[in-house]
C-alpha cells in the first residue's frame, strides 16, 4: 500500500510539473477520474507548486546590490589577508616568526564574525 501511495505522489508531481511521458500522463488523467487518493495527492502537489511559486520572487534591486557588495568585499578581504600573510611569512626574519604566530592567533581569536 505504501509503495502505491508513493507511486501516486510521484505521478501527481510529474503531472503538475509536466514531466510525464504520454503513457503515464494518460494513466494520471484516468486516475483523476477514478481515484480519490490520487486526486488528493494532486491537490497537494498543486498547492505546493503555488506556494513555491510565491517564494520564488526576485529580490529588490537594492537588496541584491547590497548582498553582492557584501560578498565581494568579504572575498576581497580574505584574499588580501591570505596574500599579506604569505608575504609577511616569507619576508619576516626567522626570529620574529614565533611572535607573528602569537599575534596571528590572538587576532584570529578575537575576530568578529
PDB file of N, CA and C in Angstrom:
ATOM      1  N   UNK A   1       0.830  -1.204   0.000  1.00  0.00           N
ATOM      2  CA  UNK A   1       0.000   0.000   0.000  1.00  0.00           C
ATOM      3  C   UNK A   1       0.865   1.255   0.000  1.00  0.00           C
ATOM      4  N   UNK A   2       1.958   1.210   0.757  1.00  0.00           N
ATOM      5  CA  UNK A   2       2.834   2.374   0.850  1.00  0.00           C
ATOM      6  C   UNK A   2       3.504   2.654  -0.494  1.00  0.00           C
ATOM      7  N   UNK A   3       3.915   1.602  -1.194  1.00  0.00           N
ATOM      8  CA  UNK A   3       4.549   1.785  -2.498  1.00  0.00           C
ATOM      9  C   UNK A   3       3.558   2.415  -3.469  1.00  0.00           C
ATOM     10  N   UNK A   4       2.295   1.995  -3.397  1.00  0.00           N
ATOM     11  CA  UNK A   4       1.276   2.567  -4.277  1.00  0.00           C
ATOM     12  C   UNK A   4       1.059   4.042  -3.954  1.00  0.00           C
ATOM     13  N   UNK A   5       1.069   4.393  -2.661  1.00  0.00           N
ATOM     14  CA  UNK A   5       0.896   5.785  -2.250  1.00  0.00           C
ATOM     15  C   UNK A   5       2.052   6.646  -2.768  1.00  0.00           C
ATOM     16  N   UNK A   6       3.287   6.130  -2.630  1.00  0.00           N
ATOM     17  CA  UNK A   6       4.444   6.872  -3.132  1.00  0.00           C
ATOM     18  C   UNK A   6       4.384   6.996  -4.649  1.00  0.00           C
ATOM     19  N   UNK A   7       3.894   5.947  -5.322  1.00  0.00           N
ATOM     20  CA  UNK A   7       3.747   5.988  -6.773  1.00  0.00           C
ATOM     21  C   UNK A   7       2.732   7.056  -7.175  1.00  0.00           C
ATOM     22  N   UNK A   8       1.635   7.147  -6.432  1.00  0.00           N
ATOM     23  CA  UNK A   8       0.621   8.163  -6.731  1.00  0.00           C
ATOM     24  C   UNK A   8       1.181   9.569  -6.524  1.00  0.00           C
ATOM     25  N   UNK A   9       1.972   9.749  -5.476  1.00  0.00           N
ATOM     26  CA  UNK A   9       2.575  11.060  -5.217  1.00  0.00           C
ATOM     27  C   UNK A   9       3.548  11.433  -6.324  1.00  0.00           C
ATOM     28  N   UNK A  10       4.355  10.480  -6.744  1.00  0.00           N
ATOM     29  CA  UNK A  10       5.311  10.748  -7.821  1.00  0.00           C
ATOM     30  C   UNK A  10       4.583  11.047  -9.124  1.00  0.00           C
ATOM     31  N   UNK A  11       3.514  10.333  -9.376  1.00  0.00           N
ATOM     32  CA  UNK A  11       2.728  10.552 -10.586  1.00  0.00           C
ATOM     33  C   UNK A  11       2.065  11.936 -10.548  1.00  0.00           C
ATOM     34  N   UNK A  12       1.534  12.308  -9.399  1.00  0.00           N
ATOM     35  CA  UNK A  12       0.912  13.631  -9.247  1.00  0.00           C
ATOM     36  C   UNK A  12       1.957  14.735  -9.423  1.00  0.00           C
ATOM     37  N   UNK A  13       3.118  14.538  -8.858  1.00  0.00           N
ATOM     38  CA  UNK A  13       4.195  15.527  -9.011  1.00  0.00           C
ATOM     39  C   UNK A  13       4.576  15.680 -10.482  1.00  0.00           C
ATOM     40  N   UNK A  14       4.735  14.563 -11.160  1.00  0.00           N
ATOM     41  CA  UNK A  14       5.091  14.608 -12.572  1.00  0.00           C
ATOM     42  C   UNK A  14       4.032  15.284 -13.419  1.00  0.00           C
ATOM     43  N   UNK A  15       2.767  15.065 -13.076  1.00  0.00           N
ATOM     44  CA  UNK A  15       1.671  15.683 -13.819  1.00  0.00           C
ATOM     45  C   UNK A  15       1.667  17.200 -13.610  1.00  0.00           C
ATOM     46  N   UNK A  16       1.871  17.624 -12.385  1.00  0.00           N
ATOM     47  CA  UNK A  16       1.869  19.056 -12.082  1.00  0.00           C
ATOM     48  C   UNK A  16       3.076  19.748 -12.717  1.00  0.00           C
ATOM     49  N   UNK A  17       4.222  19.076 -12.705  1.00  0.00           N
ATOM     50  CA  UNK A  17       5.442  19.662 -13.259  1.00  0.00           C
ATOM     51  C   UNK A  17       5.567  19.456 -14.767  1.00  0.00           C
ATOM     52  N   UNK A  18       4.629  18.710 -15.346  1.00  0.00           N
ATOM     53  CA  UNK A  18       4.597  18.426 -16.787  1.00  0.00           C
ATOM     54  C   UNK A  18       5.869  17.705 -17.253  1.00  0.00           C
ATOM     55  N   UNK A  19       6.239  16.668 -16.507  1.00  0.00           N
ATOM     56  CA  UNK A  19       7.437  15.901 -16.839  1.00  0.00           C
ATOM     57  C   UNK A  19       7.129  14.447 -17.179  1.00  0.00           C
ATOM     58  N   UNK A  20       5.859  14.109 -17.276  1.00  0.00           N
ATOM     59  CA  UNK A  20       5.476  12.718 -17.532  1.00  0.00           C
ATOM     60  C   UNK A  20       5.474  12.396 -19.021  1.00  0.00           C
ATOM     61  N   UNK A  21       5.872  11.167 -19.362  1.00  0.00           N
ATOM     62  CA  UNK A  21       5.679  10.728 -20.744  1.00  0.00           C
ATOM     63  C   UNK A  21       4.189  10.507 -21.013  1.00  0.00           C
ATOM     64  N   UNK A  22       3.820  10.364 -22.272  1.00  0.00           N
ATOM     65  CA  UNK A  22       2.404  10.276 -22.664  1.00  0.00           C
ATOM     66  C   UNK A  22       1.666   9.130 -21.984  1.00  0.00           C
ATOM     67  N   UNK A  23       2.309   7.976 -21.845  1.00  0.00           N
ATOM     68  CA  UNK A  23       1.646   6.812 -21.239  1.00  0.00           C
ATOM     69  C   UNK A  23       1.269   7.111 -19.798  1.00  0.00           C
ATOM     70  N   UNK A  24       2.198   7.661 -19.046  1.00  0.00           N
ATOM     71  CA  UNK A  24       1.912   7.975 -17.645  1.00  0.00           C
ATOM     72  C   UNK A  24       0.941   9.146 -17.524  1.00  0.00           C
ATOM     73  N   UNK A  25       0.981  10.075 -18.475  1.00  0.00           N
ATOM     74  CA  UNK A  25       0.031  11.186 -18.467  1.00  0.00           C
ATOM     75  C   UNK A  25      -1.401  10.670 -18.613  1.00  0.00           C
ATOM     76  N   UNK A  26      -1.592   9.720 -19.517  1.00  0.00           N
ATOM     77  CA  UNK A  26      -2.938   9.132 -19.693  1.00  0.00           C
ATOM     78  C   UNK A  26      -3.360   8.376 -18.443  1.00  0.00           C
ATOM     79  N   UNK A  27      -2.403   7.663 -17.826  1.00  0.00           N
ATOM     80  CA  UNK A  27      -2.719   6.946 -16.583  1.00  0.00           C
ATOM     81  C   UNK A  27      -3.125   7.936 -15.490  1.00  0.00           C
ATOM     82  N   UNK A  28      -2.400   9.053 -15.388  1.00  0.00           N
ATOM     83  CA  UNK A  28      -2.715  10.061 -14.377  1.00  0.00           C
ATOM     84  C   UNK A  28      -4.084  10.678 -14.635  1.00  0.00           C
ATOM     85  N   UNK A  29      -4.400  10.941 -15.889  1.00  0.00           N
ATOM     86  CA  UNK A  29      -5.707  11.509 -16.209  1.00  0.00           C
ATOM     87  C   UNK A  29      -6.828  10.527 -15.873  1.00  0.00           C
ATOM     88  N   UNK A  30      -6.579   9.240 -16.080  1.00  0.00           N
ATOM     89  CA  UNK A  30      -7.574   8.232 -15.716  1.00  0.00           C
ATOM     90  C   UNK A  30      -7.722   8.156 -14.200  1.00  0.00           C
ATOM     91  N   UNK A  31      -6.610   8.265 -13.493  1.00  0.00           N
ATOM     92  CA  UNK A  31      -6.657   8.213 -12.023  1.00  0.00           C
ATOM     93  C   UNK A  31      -7.387   9.423 -11.439  1.00  0.00           C
ATOM     94  N   UNK A  32      -7.338  10.553 -12.111  1.00  0.00           N
ATOM     95  CA  UNK A  32      -8.075  11.733 -11.646  1.00  0.00           C
ATOM     96  C   UNK A  32      -9.562  11.409 -11.581  1.00  0.00           C
ATOM     97  N   UNK A  33     -10.046  10.669 -12.556  1.00  0.00           N
ATOM     98  CA  UNK A  33     -11.469  10.314 -12.608  1.00  0.00           C
ATOM     99  C   UNK A  33     -11.827   9.187 -11.648  1.00  0.00           C
ATOM    100  N   UNK A  34     -10.872   8.250 -11.408  1.00  0.00           N
ATOM    101  CA  UNK A  34     -11.201   7.025 -10.675  1.00  0.00           C
ATOM    102  C   UNK A  34     -10.733   7.004  -9.222  1.00  0.00           C
ATOM    103  N   UNK A  35      -9.652   7.693  -8.894  1.00  0.00           N
ATOM    104  CA  UNK A  35      -9.034   7.510  -7.579  1.00  0.00           C
ATOM    105  C   UNK A  35      -9.098   8.782  -6.732  1.00  0.00           C
ATOM    106  N   UNK A  36      -9.854   8.738  -5.640  1.00  0.00           N
ATOM    107  CA  UNK A  36      -9.886   9.897  -4.732  1.00  0.00           C
ATOM    108  C   UNK A  36      -8.522  10.140  -4.070  1.00  0.00           C
ATOM    109  N   UNK A  37      -7.760   9.065  -3.835  1.00  0.00           N
ATOM    110  CA  UNK A  37      -6.426   9.223  -3.237  1.00  0.00           C
ATOM    111  C   UNK A  37      -5.516  10.015  -4.177  1.00  0.00           C
ATOM    112  N   UNK A  38      -5.576   9.676  -5.470  1.00  0.00           N
ATOM    113  CA  UNK A  38      -4.746  10.387  -6.430  1.00  0.00           C
ATOM    114  C   UNK A  38      -5.183  11.845  -6.538  1.00  0.00           C
ATOM    115  N   UNK A  39      -6.471  12.078  -6.475  1.00  0.00           N
ATOM    116  CA  UNK A  39      -6.980  13.445  -6.543  1.00  0.00           C
ATOM    117  C   UNK A  39      -6.478  14.273  -5.362  1.00  0.00           C
ATOM    118  N   UNK A  40      -6.429  13.671  -4.188  1.00  0.00           N
ATOM    119  CA  UNK A  40      -5.896  14.364  -3.007  1.00  0.00           C
ATOM    120  C   UNK A  40      -4.400  14.652  -3.174  1.00  0.00           C
ATOM    121  N   UNK A  41      -3.661  13.669  -3.681  1.00  0.00           N
ATOM    122  CA  UNK A  41      -2.229  13.872  -3.918  1.00  0.00           C
ATOM    123  C   UNK A  41      -2.015  14.976  -4.948  1.00  0.00           C
ATOM    124  N   UNK A  42      -2.864  15.011  -5.958  1.00  0.00           N
ATOM    125  CA  UNK A  42      -2.758  16.034  -6.996  1.00  0.00           C
ATOM    126  C   UNK A  42      -3.061  17.422  -6.432  1.00  0.00           C
ATOM    127  N   UNK A  43      -4.084  17.504  -5.580  1.00  0.00           N
ATOM    128  CA  UNK A  43      -4.401  18.792  -4.945  1.00  0.00           C
ATOM    129  C   UNK A  43      -3.240  19.277  -4.088  1.00  0.00           C
ATOM    130  N   UNK A  44      -2.610  18.359  -3.373  1.00  0.00           N
ATOM    131  CA  UNK A  44      -1.466  18.710  -2.535  1.00  0.00           C
ATOM    132  C   UNK A  44      -0.307  19.213  -3.389  1.00  0.00           C
ATOM    133  N   UNK A  45      -0.032  18.541  -4.491  1.00  0.00           N
ATOM    134  CA  UNK A  45       1.056  18.967  -5.372  1.00  0.00           C
ATOM    135  C   UNK A  45       0.782  20.342  -5.991  1.00  0.00           C
ATOM    136  N   UNK A  46      -0.467  20.595  -6.364  1.00  0.00           N
ATOM    137  CA  UNK A  46      -0.823  21.904  -6.926  1.00  0.00           C
ATOM    138  C   UNK A  46      -0.642  22.989  -5.866  1.00  0.00           C
ATOM    139  N   UNK A  47      -1.063  22.701  -4.635  1.00  0.00           N
ATOM    140  CA  UNK A  47      -0.905  23.674  -3.549  1.00  0.00           C
ATOM    141  C   UNK A  47       0.576  23.942  -3.272  1.00  0.00           C
ATOM    142  N   UNK A  48       1.388  22.877  -3.270  1.00  0.00           N
ATOM    143  CA  UNK A  48       2.819  23.051  -3.036  1.00  0.00           C
ATOM    144  C   UNK A  48       3.471  23.849  -4.156  1.00  0.00           C
ATOM    145  N   UNK A  49       3.059  23.593  -5.395  1.00  0.00           N
ATOM    146  CA  UNK A  49       3.635  24.331  -6.520  1.00  0.00           C
ATOM    147  C   UNK A  49       3.313  25.817  -6.414  1.00  0.00           C
ATOM    148  N   UNK A  50       2.075  26.142  -6.057  1.00  0.00           N
ATOM    149  CA  UNK A  50       1.720  27.564  -5.940  1.00  0.00           C
ATOM    150  C   UNK A  50       2.443  28.221  -4.768  1.00  0.00           C
ATOM    151  N   UNK A  51       2.649  27.463  -3.693  1.00  0.00           N
ATOM    152  CA  UNK A  51       3.365  28.010  -2.538  1.00  0.00           C
ATOM    153  C   UNK A  51       4.832  28.273  -2.885  1.00  0.00           C
ATOM    154  N   UNK A  52       5.442  27.337  -3.599  1.00  0.00           N
ATOM    155  CA  UNK A  52       6.837  27.521  -4.002  1.00  0.00           C
ATOM    156  C   UNK A  52       6.953  28.671  -4.990  1.00  0.00           C
ATOM    157  N   UNK A  53       5.973  28.815  -5.862  1.00  0.00           N
ATOM    158  CA  UNK A  53       6.000  29.907  -6.838  1.00  0.00           C
ATOM    159  C   UNK A  53       5.987  31.259  -6.126  1.00  0.00           C
ATOM    160  N   UNK A  54       5.240  31.354  -5.040  1.00  0.00           N
ATOM    161  CA  UNK A  54       5.198  32.618  -4.304  1.00  0.00           C
ATOM    162  C   UNK A  54       6.528  32.904  -3.605  1.00  0.00           C
ATOM    163  N   UNK A  55       7.299  31.857  -3.314  1.00  0.00           N
ATOM    164  CA  UNK A  55       8.591  32.053  -2.657  1.00  0.00           C
ATOM    165  C   UNK A  55       9.699  32.425  -3.635  1.00  0.00           C
ATOM    166  N   UNK A  56       9.471  32.238  -4.917  1.00  0.00           N
ATOM    167  CA  UNK A  56      10.491  32.493  -5.925  1.00  0.00           C
ATOM    168  C   UNK A  56      10.484  33.925  -6.439  1.00  0.00           C
ATOM    169  N   UNK A  57      10.020  34.844  -5.644  1.00  0.00           N
ATOM    170  CA  UNK A  57      10.013  36.242  -6.054  1.00  0.00           C
ATOM    171  C   UNK A  57      11.442  36.778  -6.078  1.00  0.00           C
ATOM    172  N   UNK A  58      11.700  37.652  -7.022  1.00  0.00           N
ATOM    173  CA  UNK A  58      13.035  38.241  -7.139  1.00  0.00           C
ATOM    174  C   UNK A  58      13.279  39.230  -6.006  1.00  0.00           C
ATOM    175  N   UNK A  59      14.538  39.336  -5.628  1.00  0.00           N
ATOM    176  CA  UNK A  59      14.912  40.304  -4.601  1.00  0.00           C
ATOM    177  C   UNK A  59      14.813  41.714  -5.160  1.00  0.00           C
ATOM    178  N   UNK A  60      14.489  42.673  -4.315  1.00  0.00           N
ATOM    179  CA  UNK A  60      14.567  44.066  -4.771  1.00  0.00           C
ATOM    180  C   UNK A  60      16.002  44.397  -5.172  1.00  0.00           C
ATOM    181  N   UNK A  61      16.144  45.287  -6.130  1.00  0.00           N
ATOM    182  CA  UNK A  61      17.466  45.614  -6.667  1.00  0.00           C
ATOM    183  C   UNK A  61      18.410  46.127  -5.586  1.00  0.00           C
ATOM    184  N   UNK A  62      17.888  46.897  -4.634  1.00  0.00           N
ATOM    185  CA  UNK A  62      18.755  47.439  -3.577  1.00  0.00           C
ATOM    186  C   UNK A  62      19.310  46.315  -2.703  1.00  0.00           C
ATOM    187  N   UNK A  63      18.474  45.335  -2.379  1.00  0.00           N
ATOM    188  CA  UNK A  63      18.931  44.208  -1.555  1.00  0.00           C
ATOM    189  C   UNK A  63      19.928  43.356  -2.335  1.00  0.00           C
ATOM    190  N   UNK A  64      19.639  43.151  -3.616  1.00  0.00           N
ATOM    191  CA  UNK A  64      20.540  42.372  -4.457  1.00  0.00           C
ATOM    192  C   UNK A  64      21.925  43.021  -4.530  1.00  0.00           C
ATOM    193  N   UNK A  65      21.962  44.334  -4.704  1.00  0.00           N
ATOM    194  CA  UNK A  65      23.240  45.045  -4.768  1.00  0.00           C
ATOM    195  C   UNK A  65      23.974  45.004  -3.434  1.00  0.00           C
ATOM    196  N   UNK A  66      23.233  45.125  -2.340  1.00  0.00           N
ATOM    197  CA  UNK A  66      23.855  45.083  -1.016  1.00  0.00           C
ATOM    198  C   UNK A  66      24.472  43.712  -0.741  1.00  0.00           C
ATOM    199  N   UNK A  67      23.745  42.654  -1.068  1.00  0.00           N
ATOM    200  CA  UNK A  67      24.261  41.293  -0.860  1.00  0.00           C
ATOM    201  C   UNK A  67      25.494  41.056  -1.724  1.00  0.00           C
ATOM    202  N   UNK A  68      25.403  41.456  -2.993  1.00  0.00           N
ATOM    203  CA  UNK A  68      26.552  41.294  -3.894  1.00  0.00           C
ATOM    204  C   UNK A  68      27.759  42.075  -3.381  1.00  0.00           C
ATOM    205  N   UNK A  69      27.528  43.293  -2.926  1.00  0.00           N
ATOM    206  CA  UNK A  69      28.616  44.108  -2.389  1.00  0.00           C
ATOM    207  C   UNK A  69      29.250  43.469  -1.168  1.00  0.00           C
ATOM    208  N   UNK A  70      28.427  42.948  -0.261  1.00  0.00           N
ATOM    209  CA  UNK A  70      28.960  42.295   0.937  1.00  0.00           C
ATOM    210  C   UNK A  70      29.789  41.068   0.577  1.00  0.00           C
ATOM    211  N   UNK A  71      29.319  40.300  -0.393  1.00  0.00           N
ATOM    212  CA  UNK A  71      30.052  39.107  -0.807  1.00  0.00           C
ATOM    213  C   UNK A  71      31.398  39.464  -1.415  1.00  0.00           C
ATOM    214  N   UNK A  72      31.414  40.444  -2.294  1.00  0.00           N
ATOM    215  CA  UNK A  72      32.675  40.807  -2.946  1.00  0.00           C
ATOM    216  C   UNK A  72      33.657  41.418  -1.949  1.00  0.00           C
ATOM    217  N   UNK A  73      33.160  42.242  -1.035  1.00  0.00           N
ATOM    218  CA  UNK A  73      34.043  42.838  -0.026  1.00  0.00           C
ATOM    219  C   UNK A  73      34.641  41.746   0.851  1.00  0.00           C
ATOM    220  N   UNK A  74      33.804  40.784   1.269  1.00  0.00           N
ATOM    221  CA  UNK A  74      34.291  39.698   2.117  1.00  0.00           C
ATOM    222  C   UNK A  74      35.338  38.859   1.373  1.00  0.00           C
ATOM    223  N   UNK A  75      35.084  38.555   0.105  1.00  0.00           N
ATOM    224  CA  UNK A  75      36.049  37.777  -0.693  1.00  0.00           C
ATOM    225  C   UNK A  75      37.352  38.536  -0.850  1.00  0.00           C
ATOM    226  N   UNK A  76      37.260  39.841  -1.097  1.00  0.00           N
ATOM    227  CA  UNK A  76      38.473  40.641  -1.237  1.00  0.00           C
ATOM    228  C   UNK A  76      39.257  40.689   0.067  1.00  0.00           C
ATOM    229  N   UNK A  77      38.556  40.799   1.191  1.00  0.00           N
ATOM    230  CA  UNK A  77      39.238  40.823   2.479  1.00  0.00           C
ATOM    231  C   UNK A  77      39.980  39.513   2.726  1.00  0.00           C
ATOM    232  N   UNK A  78      39.349  38.398   2.398  1.00  0.00           N
ATOM    233  CA  UNK A  78      40.015  37.106   2.570  1.00  0.00           C
ATOM    234  C   UNK A  78      41.233  36.988   1.666  1.00  0.00           C
ATOM    235  N   UNK A  79      41.096  37.474   0.443  1.00  0.00           N
ATOM    236  CA  UNK A  79      42.224  37.433  -0.495  1.00  0.00           C
ATOM    237  C   UNK A  79      43.367  38.298   0.009  1.00  0.00           C
ATOM    238  N   UNK A  80      43.076  39.526   0.429  1.00  0.00           N
ATOM    239  CA  UNK A  80      44.111  40.420   0.930  1.00  0.00           C
ATOM    240  C   UNK A  80      44.805  39.825   2.161  1.00  0.00           C
ATOM    241  N   UNK A  81      44.022  39.233   3.040  1.00  0.00           N
ATOM    242  CA  UNK A  81      44.577  38.649   4.258  1.00  0.00           C
ATOM    243  C   UNK A  81      45.526  37.507   3.925  1.00  0.00           C
ATOM    244  N   UNK A  82      45.128  36.635   3.006  1.00  0.00           N
ATOM    245  CA  UNK A  82      45.987  35.499   2.678  1.00  0.00           C
ATOM    246  C   UNK A  82      47.253  35.947   1.953  1.00  0.00           C
ATOM    247  N   UNK A  83      47.129  36.943   1.072  1.00  0.00           N
ATOM    248  CA  UNK A  83      48.320  37.460   0.381  1.00  0.00           C
ATOM    249  C   UNK A  83      49.256  38.123   1.377  1.00  0.00           C
ATOM    250  N   UNK A  84      48.712  38.934   2.273  1.00  0.00           N
ATOM    251  CA  UNK A  84      49.543  39.612   3.271  1.00  0.00           C
ATOM    252  C   UNK A  84      50.228  38.603   4.183  1.00  0.00           C
ATOM    253  N   UNK A  85      49.521  37.573   4.593  1.00  0.00           N
ATOM    254  CA  UNK A  85      50.131  36.553   5.437  1.00  0.00           C
ATOM    255  C   UNK A  85      51.287  35.859   4.722  1.00  0.00           C
ATOM    256  N   UNK A  86      51.078  35.533   3.447  1.00  0.00           N
ATOM    257  CA  UNK A  86      52.142  34.867   2.692  1.00  0.00           C
ATOM    258  C   UNK A  86      53.361  35.770   2.565  1.00  0.00           C
ATOM    259  N   UNK A  87      53.139  37.049   2.287  1.00  0.00           N
ATOM    260  CA  UNK A  87      54.256  37.991   2.142  1.00  0.00           C
ATOM    261  C   UNK A  87      54.992  38.161   3.469  1.00  0.00           C
ATOM    262  N   UNK A  88      54.247  38.346   4.547  1.00  0.00           N
ATOM    263  CA  UNK A  88      54.891  38.543   5.852  1.00  0.00           C
ATOM    264  C   UNK A  88      55.641  37.302   6.301  1.00  0.00           C
ATOM    265  N   UNK A  89      55.093  36.148   6.084  1.00  0.00           N
ATOM    266  CA  UNK A  89      55.782  34.918   6.489  1.00  0.00           C
ATOM    267  C   UNK A  89      57.066  34.716   5.689  1.00  0.00           C
ATOM    268  N   UNK A  90      57.054  35.108   4.440  1.00  0.00           N
ATOM    269  CA  UNK A  90      58.249  34.946   3.608  1.00  0.00           C
ATOM    270  C   UNK A  90      59.305  36.002   3.918  1.00  0.00           C
ATOM    271  N   UNK A  91      58.898  37.177   4.322  1.00  0.00           N
ATOM    272  CA  UNK A  91      59.860  38.276   4.488  1.00  0.00           C
ATOM    273  C   UNK A  91      60.309  38.498   5.923  1.00  0.00           C
ATOM    274  N   UNK A  92      59.571  38.074   6.905  1.00  0.00           N
ATOM    275  CA  UNK A  92      59.991  38.302   8.289  1.00  0.00           C
ATOM    276  C   UNK A  92      61.195  37.435   8.624  1.00  0.00           C
ATOM    277  N   UNK A  93      62.100  37.983   9.375  1.00  0.00           N
ATOM    278  CA  UNK A  93      63.242  37.152   9.797  1.00  0.00           C
ATOM    279  C   UNK A  93      62.756  35.989  10.666  1.00  0.00           C
ATOM    280  N   UNK A  94      63.528  34.953  10.684  1.00  0.00           N
ATOM    281  CA  UNK A  94      63.110  33.742  11.390  1.00  0.00           C
ATOM    282  C   UNK A  94      62.924  33.972  12.888  1.00  0.00           C
ATOM    283  N   UNK A  95      63.595  34.945  13.460  1.00  0.00           N
ATOM    284  CA  UNK A  95      63.463  35.212  14.894  1.00  0.00           C
ATOM    285  C   UNK A  95      62.093  35.794  15.237  1.00  0.00           C
ATOM    286  N   UNK A  96      61.485  36.521  14.301  1.00  0.00           N
ATOM    287  CA  UNK A  96      60.198  37.144  14.609  1.00  0.00           C
ATOM    288  C   UNK A  96      59.001  36.266  14.223  1.00  0.00           C
ATOM    289  N   UNK A  97      59.245  35.160  13.600  1.00  0.00           N
ATOM    290  CA  UNK A  97      58.122  34.296  13.205  1.00  0.00           C
ATOM    291  C   UNK A  97      57.302  33.786  14.397  1.00  0.00           C
ATOM    292  N   UNK A  98      57.917  33.369  15.515  1.00  0.00           N
ATOM    293  CA  UNK A  98      57.095  32.952  16.660  1.00  0.00           C
ATOM    294  C   UNK A  98      56.204  34.086  17.183  1.00  0.00           C
ATOM    295  N   UNK A  99      56.723  35.319  17.164  1.00  0.00           N
ATOM    296  CA  UNK A  99      55.923  36.468  17.602  1.00  0.00           C
ATOM    297  C   UNK A  99      54.755  36.685  16.645  1.00  0.00           C
ATOM    298  N   UNK A 100      55.030  36.554  15.351  1.00  0.00           N
ATOM    299  CA  UNK A 100      53.976  36.698  14.349  1.00  0.00           C
ATOM    300  C   UNK A 100      52.887  35.630  14.557  1.00  0.00           C
ATOM    301  N   UNK A 101      53.313  34.411  14.900  1.00  0.00           N
ATOM    302  CA  UNK A 101      52.351  33.342  15.158  1.00  0.00           C
ATOM    303  C   UNK A 101      51.448  33.670  16.335  1.00  0.00           C
ATOM    304  N   UNK A 102      52.032  34.215  17.412  1.00  0.00           N
ATOM    305  CA  UNK A 102      51.235  34.613  18.574  1.00  0.00           C
ATOM    306  C   UNK A 102      50.256  35.725  18.217  1.00  0.00           C
ATOM    307  N   UNK A 103      50.740  36.723  17.476  1.00  0.00           N
ATOM    308  CA  UNK A 103      49.860  37.820  17.060  1.00  0.00           C
ATOM    309  C   UNK A 103      48.730  37.308  16.163  1.00  0.00           C
ATOM    310  N   UNK A 104      49.067  36.430  15.248  1.00  0.00           N
ATOM    311  CA  UNK A 104      48.060  35.896  14.326  1.00  0.00           C
ATOM    312  C   UNK A 104      46.980  35.143  15.093  1.00  0.00           C
ATOM    313  N   UNK A 105      47.380  34.316  16.068  1.00  0.00           N
ATOM    314  CA  UNK A 105      46.390  33.570  16.856  1.00  0.00           C
ATOM    315  C   UNK A 105      45.516  34.506  17.682  1.00  0.00           C
ATOM    316  N   UNK A 106      46.103  35.529  18.276  1.00  0.00           N
ATOM    317  CA  UNK A 106      45.308  36.431  19.105  1.00  0.00           C
ATOM    318  C   UNK A 106      44.345  37.254  18.263  1.00  0.00           C
ATOM    319  N   UNK A 107      44.773  37.687  17.074  1.00  0.00           N
ATOM    320  CA  UNK A 107      43.896  38.455  16.203  1.00  0.00           C
ATOM    321  C   UNK A 107      42.765  37.578  15.702  1.00  0.00           C
ATOM    322  N   UNK A 108      43.068  36.364  15.265  1.00  0.00           N
ATOM    323  CA  UNK A 108      42.031  35.460  14.752  1.00  0.00           C
ATOM    324  C   UNK A 108      41.062  35.041  15.866  1.00  0.00           C
ATOM    325  N   UNK A 109      41.559  34.912  17.095  1.00  0.00           N
ATOM    326  CA  UNK A 109      40.689  34.505  18.185  1.00  0.00           C
ATOM    327  C   UNK A 109      39.705  35.608  18.557  1.00  0.00           C
ATOM    328  N   UNK A 110      40.114  36.871  18.392  1.00  0.00           N
ATOM    329  CA  UNK A 110      39.272  37.991  18.764  1.00  0.00           C
ATOM    330  C   UNK A 110      38.512  38.587  17.581  1.00  0.00           C
ATOM    331  N   UNK A 111      38.588  37.942  16.409  1.00  0.00           N
ATOM    332  CA  UNK A 111      37.941  38.446  15.215  1.00  0.00           C
ATOM    333  C   UNK A 111      36.424  38.328  15.346  1.00  0.00           C
ATOM    334  N   UNK A 112      35.718  39.327  14.895  1.00  0.00           N
ATOM    335  CA  UNK A 112      34.265  39.279  14.906  1.00  0.00           C
ATOM    336  C   UNK A 112      33.773  38.520  13.672  1.00  0.00           C
ATOM    337  N   UNK A 113      32.649  37.798  13.809  1.00  0.00           N
ATOM    338  CA  UNK A 113      32.136  37.042  12.662  1.00  0.00           C
ATOM    339  C   UNK A 113      31.591  37.945  11.569  1.00  0.00           C
TER     340      UNK A 113
END
